[in-house]
Protein backbone atom coordinates (compact mmCIF):
# COMPACT_ATOMS: atom_id res chain seq x y z
CA MET A 1 3.96 19.43 -7.33
CA THR A 2 1.09 17.76 -8.94
CA ILE A 3 1.18 14.34 -10.15
CA GLU A 4 0.27 14.60 -13.99
CA LEU A 5 -2.30 11.83 -14.37
CA GLY A 6 -3.60 12.29 -17.49
CA SER A 7 -7.35 12.08 -17.92
CA LEU A 8 -7.20 8.23 -18.48
CA GLY A 9 -6.55 4.81 -15.89
CA ALA A 10 -6.51 1.75 -15.66
CA TYR A 11 -7.38 -0.92 -12.90
CA LEU A 12 -5.80 -3.47 -12.37
CA ALA A 13 -5.70 -6.25 -9.48
CA ALA A 14 -2.48 -5.69 -7.39
CA ALA A 15 -1.60 -9.27 -7.03
CA GLU A 16 -2.10 -10.54 -10.57
CA ALA A 17 -0.88 -7.32 -12.36
CA THR A 18 2.20 -7.53 -14.53
CA ALA A 19 5.09 -5.75 -15.70
CA GLU A 20 4.21 -6.56 -19.37
CA GLU A 21 0.59 -5.31 -18.75
CA ALA A 22 1.56 -2.26 -17.60
CA VAL A 23 3.92 -1.27 -20.19
CA ALA A 24 1.04 -2.08 -22.64
CA LEU A 25 -0.98 0.13 -21.00
CA GLU A 26 1.87 3.09 -20.76
CA GLU A 27 2.07 2.97 -24.19
CA ALA A 28 -1.95 2.54 -24.77
CA GLY A 29 -2.02 6.29 -23.37
CA TYR A 30 -2.94 5.16 -19.90
CA GLY A 31 -1.22 7.78 -17.32
CA ALA A 32 -1.92 5.79 -14.33
CA ILE A 33 -2.49 2.11 -13.06
CA TRP A 34 -4.81 1.88 -9.82
CA LEU A 35 -3.69 -1.47 -8.01
CA ALA A 36 -7.14 -2.38 -6.71
CA ALA A 37 -8.34 -5.27 -3.93
CA SER A 38 -6.50 -3.62 -0.60
CA PRO A 39 -2.63 -3.73 -1.67
CA GLU A 40 -0.45 -4.97 0.43
CA ALA A 41 1.50 -2.36 2.70
CA ASP A 42 4.93 -3.03 1.57
CA LEU A 43 4.22 -1.81 -1.73
CA ARG A 44 6.01 -4.12 -4.09
CA SER A 45 3.15 -4.78 -5.93
CA ALA A 46 3.23 -1.01 -7.14
CA GLU A 47 7.28 -0.64 -7.05
CA ARG A 48 7.39 -3.87 -9.47
CA LEU A 49 5.51 -1.65 -12.03
CA LEU A 50 6.87 1.63 -11.84
CA ASP A 51 10.62 0.19 -12.05
CA ALA A 52 9.51 -1.65 -15.47
CA THR A 53 7.27 2.02 -16.99
CA GLY A 54 8.81 5.36 -17.82
CA ARG A 55 6.36 7.75 -17.27
CA SER A 56 2.71 6.29 -15.48
CA VAL A 57 1.97 6.96 -12.52
CA VAL A 58 1.00 4.01 -10.06
CA GLY A 59 -1.30 4.43 -7.29
CA THR A 60 -3.13 1.99 -4.53
CA SER A 61 -7.03 2.22 -5.16
CA VAL A 62 -6.88 1.25 -1.56
CA LEU A 63 -4.66 0.73 1.34
CA ASN A 64 -7.34 -0.44 3.84
CA VAL A 65 -6.53 1.42 6.99
CA TRP A 66 -7.60 -0.86 9.30
CA THR A 67 -5.01 -3.62 7.92
CA ALA A 68 -2.09 -1.93 6.23
CA ASP A 69 0.50 -0.66 8.84
CA ALA A 70 0.79 2.32 8.59
CA GLU A 71 4.56 2.69 9.21
CA THR A 72 5.51 -0.11 6.98
CA VAL A 73 2.90 2.20 3.89
CA ALA A 74 5.50 5.67 4.93
CA ALA A 75 8.74 3.14 4.32
CA SER A 76 7.76 1.95 1.96
CA TYR A 77 6.36 5.41 0.12
CA HIS A 78 10.10 6.90 0.83
CA ARG A 79 12.15 3.85 -0.42
CA ILE A 80 9.54 3.70 -3.75
CA ALA A 81 9.46 7.66 -4.00
CA GLY A 82 13.52 7.90 -3.93
CA LYS A 83 13.63 6.03 -6.99
CA HIS A 84 10.42 6.67 -8.85
CA PRO A 85 9.55 10.83 -7.74
CA ASP A 86 6.40 12.12 -8.39
CA ARG A 87 5.22 8.98 -9.63
CA LEU A 88 3.36 7.24 -6.74
CA LEU A 89 0.06 7.71 -5.07
CA VAL A 90 -1.18 6.46 -1.82
CA GLY A 91 -4.80 5.75 -1.92
CA ILE A 92 -6.37 4.91 1.55
CA GLY A 93 -9.40 4.19 2.79
CA ALA A 94 -11.36 3.22 5.80
CA GLY A 95 -12.92 -0.23 4.52
CA HIS A 96 -16.49 -1.33 5.27
CA ARG A 97 -18.39 -2.57 8.39
CA GLU A 98 -19.11 -5.81 6.36
CA LEU A 99 -15.84 -6.77 5.98
CA ASN A 100 -13.71 -5.53 8.03
CA ALA A 101 -14.02 -6.65 12.30
CA GLU A 102 -12.36 -3.75 13.42
CA TYR A 103 -15.02 -1.37 11.81
CA ALA A 104 -15.21 1.40 13.29
CA SER A 105 -15.86 5.75 13.26
CA PRO A 106 -13.98 5.64 9.79
CA VAL A 107 -13.55 8.96 9.86
CA ALA A 108 -11.38 9.25 13.20
CA LYS A 109 -9.47 6.21 12.14
CA THR A 110 -8.78 7.48 8.96
CA ALA A 111 -7.58 11.04 10.75
CA ARG A 112 -5.31 9.24 13.04
CA TYR A 113 -3.66 7.24 9.89
CA LEU A 114 -3.47 10.34 7.99
CA ASP A 115 -1.67 11.83 11.19
CA ALA A 116 0.85 8.27 11.37
CA LEU A 117 1.69 9.34 7.56
CA ALA A 118 2.41 12.63 8.18
CA ALA A 119 4.33 12.01 11.01
CA LEU A 120 6.48 9.67 8.85
CA GLY A 121 7.05 12.34 6.44
CA VAL A 122 4.60 10.91 3.48
CA PRO A 123 3.87 14.08 1.86
CA ALA A 124 -0.50 15.31 2.10
CA ASP A 125 -0.22 15.82 -1.57
CA ARG A 126 0.69 11.95 -2.38
CA VAL A 127 -2.15 10.45 -0.69
CA LEU A 128 -5.77 9.98 -1.94
CA LEU A 129 -8.97 9.13 0.32
CA ALA A 130 -11.89 6.78 -0.55
CA ALA A 131 -14.24 9.37 0.11
CA LEU A 132 -17.71 9.09 -0.47
CA GLY A 133 -20.42 10.68 1.67
CA PRO A 134 -20.20 14.38 3.45
CA LYS A 135 -17.61 13.68 6.19
CA MET A 136 -15.08 11.75 4.47
CA LEU A 137 -15.32 14.18 1.27
CA ARG A 138 -14.70 16.85 3.92
CA LEU A 139 -11.25 15.14 5.24
CA ALA A 140 -10.11 14.83 1.86
CA ALA A 141 -10.54 18.13 0.77
CA GLU A 142 -8.44 19.75 4.11
CA ARG A 143 -5.67 16.50 4.66
CA ALA A 144 -5.24 15.11 0.87
CA ALA A 145 -4.71 15.77 -2.54
CA GLY A 146 -8.02 14.56 -3.26
CA THR A 147 -10.19 11.07 -3.56
CA LEU A 148 -10.81 8.23 -5.20
CA THR A 149 -14.21 7.08 -5.56
CA LEU A 150 -16.03 3.79 -6.81
CA GLN A 151 -19.74 2.90 -7.61
CA VAL A 152 -20.63 6.38 -8.53
CA THR A 153 -22.15 8.41 -11.38
CA PRO A 154 -21.45 11.78 -12.69
CA GLU A 155 -23.57 13.41 -10.16
CA HIS A 156 -21.66 12.09 -7.32
CA THR A 157 -18.80 13.19 -9.14
CA ARG A 158 -20.56 17.03 -9.20
CA ARG A 159 -20.75 16.79 -5.55
CA ALA A 160 -17.49 15.83 -4.82
CA ARG A 161 -15.95 18.10 -7.05
CA ALA A 162 -18.00 20.81 -4.89
CA ALA A 163 -17.02 19.80 -2.09
CA LEU A 164 -13.14 19.69 -2.47
CA GLY A 165 -13.11 23.09 -4.64
CA PRO A 166 -11.01 23.24 -7.70
CA ASP A 167 -7.86 22.39 -6.83
CA LYS A 168 -7.73 18.88 -5.50
CA LEU A 169 -8.16 15.78 -7.62
CA VAL A 170 -11.30 13.76 -7.84
CA VAL A 171 -11.03 10.58 -9.26
CA PRO A 172 -13.98 8.16 -10.10
CA ALA A 173 -13.89 4.72 -11.05
CA HIS A 174 -16.26 2.90 -13.68
CA GLY A 175 -16.36 -0.59 -14.88
CA VAL A 176 -16.36 -0.94 -18.91
CA VAL A 177 -17.98 -3.96 -20.69
CA LEU A 178 -17.17 -3.87 -24.75
CA ASP A 179 -20.35 -5.26 -25.70
CA THR A 180 -23.10 -3.73 -28.22
CA ASP A 181 -26.13 -6.13 -26.92
CA ALA A 182 -27.05 -3.95 -24.04
CA ASP A 183 -28.75 -6.57 -22.40
CA ARG A 184 -25.72 -8.69 -22.34
CA ALA A 185 -23.62 -6.03 -21.39
CA ARG A 186 -26.02 -4.91 -18.64
CA GLU A 187 -25.89 -8.85 -17.23
CA THR A 188 -22.04 -8.59 -17.07
CA GLY A 189 -22.10 -5.47 -15.06
CA ARG A 190 -24.36 -6.56 -12.99
CA ALA A 191 -22.35 -9.78 -12.24
CA GLY A 192 -19.37 -7.26 -11.24
CA VAL A 193 -21.45 -4.77 -9.04
CA ARG A 194 -23.05 -7.27 -6.77
CA PRO A 195 -21.15 -7.56 -4.52
CA LEU A 196 -20.20 -4.45 -4.08
CA LEU A 197 -24.13 -3.43 -3.62
CA SER A 198 -24.42 -5.33 -0.64
CA ILE A 199 -22.33 -3.15 1.06
CA ALA A 200 -24.12 -0.97 2.93
CA ASN A 201 -21.85 2.66 2.24
CA TYR A 202 -21.85 2.28 -1.56
CA ALA A 203 -25.93 1.89 -1.63
CA ALA A 204 -26.41 4.81 1.45
CA ASN A 205 -24.30 6.77 -1.58
CA LEU A 206 -26.35 5.76 -4.26
CA ARG A 207 -29.68 6.93 -2.43
CA ARG A 208 -27.75 10.23 -1.39
CA ILE A 209 -27.77 11.25 -5.05
CA GLY A 210 -31.19 9.87 -5.78
CA TYR A 211 -31.78 6.04 -6.23
CA THR A 212 -34.34 4.23 -4.87
CA ASP A 213 -35.18 0.96 -3.04
CA GLN A 214 -36.47 -0.11 -6.54
CA ASP A 215 -32.34 1.07 -8.07
CA LEU A 216 -30.69 -0.84 -5.46
CA THR A 217 -33.00 -4.24 -5.18
CA ASP A 218 -30.90 -7.16 -7.05
CA PRO A 219 -31.15 -7.37 -10.07
CA PHE A 220 -30.85 -3.58 -9.78
CA SER A 221 -32.00 -1.07 -12.48
CA ASP A 222 -31.31 -0.28 -16.21
CA ARG A 223 -30.79 3.11 -15.33
CA LEU A 224 -28.14 2.20 -12.11
CA ILE A 225 -26.40 -0.53 -14.15
CA ASP A 226 -26.19 1.69 -17.38
CA ALA A 227 -24.66 4.66 -14.88
CA LEU A 228 -22.52 2.45 -12.96
CA VAL A 229 -21.07 0.44 -15.99
CA LEU A 230 -20.09 1.93 -18.93
CA HIS A 231 -20.79 -0.59 -21.77
CA GLY A 232 -21.44 -0.76 -25.55
CA ASP A 233 -18.72 0.05 -28.18
CA ALA A 234 -15.54 1.55 -26.94
CA THR A 235 -17.04 5.32 -28.82
CA ALA A 236 -19.99 4.86 -26.24
CA VAL A 237 -17.67 4.07 -23.55
CA ALA A 238 -15.52 7.19 -24.51
CA ALA A 239 -18.49 9.18 -24.17
CA GLY A 240 -19.15 8.00 -20.49
CA VAL A 241 -15.43 9.18 -19.62
CA ARG A 242 -16.49 12.16 -21.03
CA ALA A 243 -19.41 12.78 -19.10
CA GLU A 244 -17.08 11.79 -15.87
CA LEU A 245 -14.60 15.14 -16.90
CA ALA A 246 -17.42 17.29 -17.72
CA ALA A 247 -18.97 16.58 -14.39
CA GLY A 248 -15.43 17.75 -12.67
CA ALA A 249 -13.14 14.55 -12.85
CA ASN A 250 -9.89 15.03 -13.14
CA HIS A 251 -8.82 11.43 -14.63
CA VAL A 252 -11.32 8.54 -14.90
CA GLY A 253 -10.54 4.94 -13.92
CA LEU A 254 -11.02 1.94 -15.85
CA HIS A 255 -12.18 -1.72 -14.74
CA ALA A 256 -12.18 -3.69 -17.75
CA ALA A 257 -14.38 -7.10 -17.86
CA GLY A 258 -13.80 -9.36 -20.18
CA GLU A 259 -11.68 -11.98 -21.33
CA ASP A 260 -9.06 -9.32 -22.70
CA PRO A 261 -9.16 -6.63 -20.67
CA ILE A 262 -5.64 -4.35 -21.68
CA GLY A 263 -7.10 -5.37 -25.52
CA VAL A 264 -10.73 -3.53 -23.59
CA LEU A 265 -8.50 -0.71 -22.36
CA ARG A 266 -6.43 -0.43 -25.80
CA ALA A 267 -9.51 0.18 -27.39
CA VAL A 268 -11.23 2.52 -24.84
CA ALA A 269 -7.72 4.77 -24.80
CA GLN A 270 -8.22 5.36 -28.80
CA ALA A 271 -11.69 6.20 -28.68
CA THR A 272 -10.99 8.78 -26.15
CA ALA A 273 -8.25 10.26 -27.78
CA GLY A 274 -10.33 10.32 -30.88
CA GLY A 275 -12.97 12.17 -29.32
CA ARG A 276 -10.81 14.78 -27.94
CA PRO A 277 -11.90 18.34 -29.56
């Protein structure tokens, strides 16, 4: 059975996500809550949010295959899925050379991790891969329910959809800044993406879809920041969400910046719903 995500998801830091936030997001219309920053393999953070809500899907974005023990992940999946069937997605990823000392042959390592999860009874249609390049996208098409993508644009989403075909999930994520002062919003966006754009995997992927060294050199071009970080009023952000859906996304995850991220996410959900035909 395919899990129903709806069109909007919200990212929360796994270690800080609260039951109250999850309930507020569910009430605002978010179909999924994505736990960022490499959640622990015991999936207690996901379980806590599932216990607090009634229908939202919770997914990991993403478990690191170098550090999250597959046996622990599988046991945790079964423990939670028994209580909350069709509401848990296991997102996994191969990390980055700059951050993981063990990093080598990421596609092969991810394939072995998928083998381990499958042998332990985790269904492939409950697993998503963090996939950017062609080889990892191919693995997602062959061995998982689809892909989670970060630091991408609608052009990458079109390519991911073509690589995965019509029946797999394509779930891009964007930062969100609610600020109608474009220069100030871009500066906020730059601060958010700066640590990620120093990572080779993200920079290489953006080069594949047409960005140049000039775009990718700090302080980064406006056109790059505008593509990666949705900003403006809630209506403008909602238009960015719809652009991703039109490019082939099933669902769009949002990372809200600012002092009131739940308020930002509520406003975007309302604007997105109001723009439906």
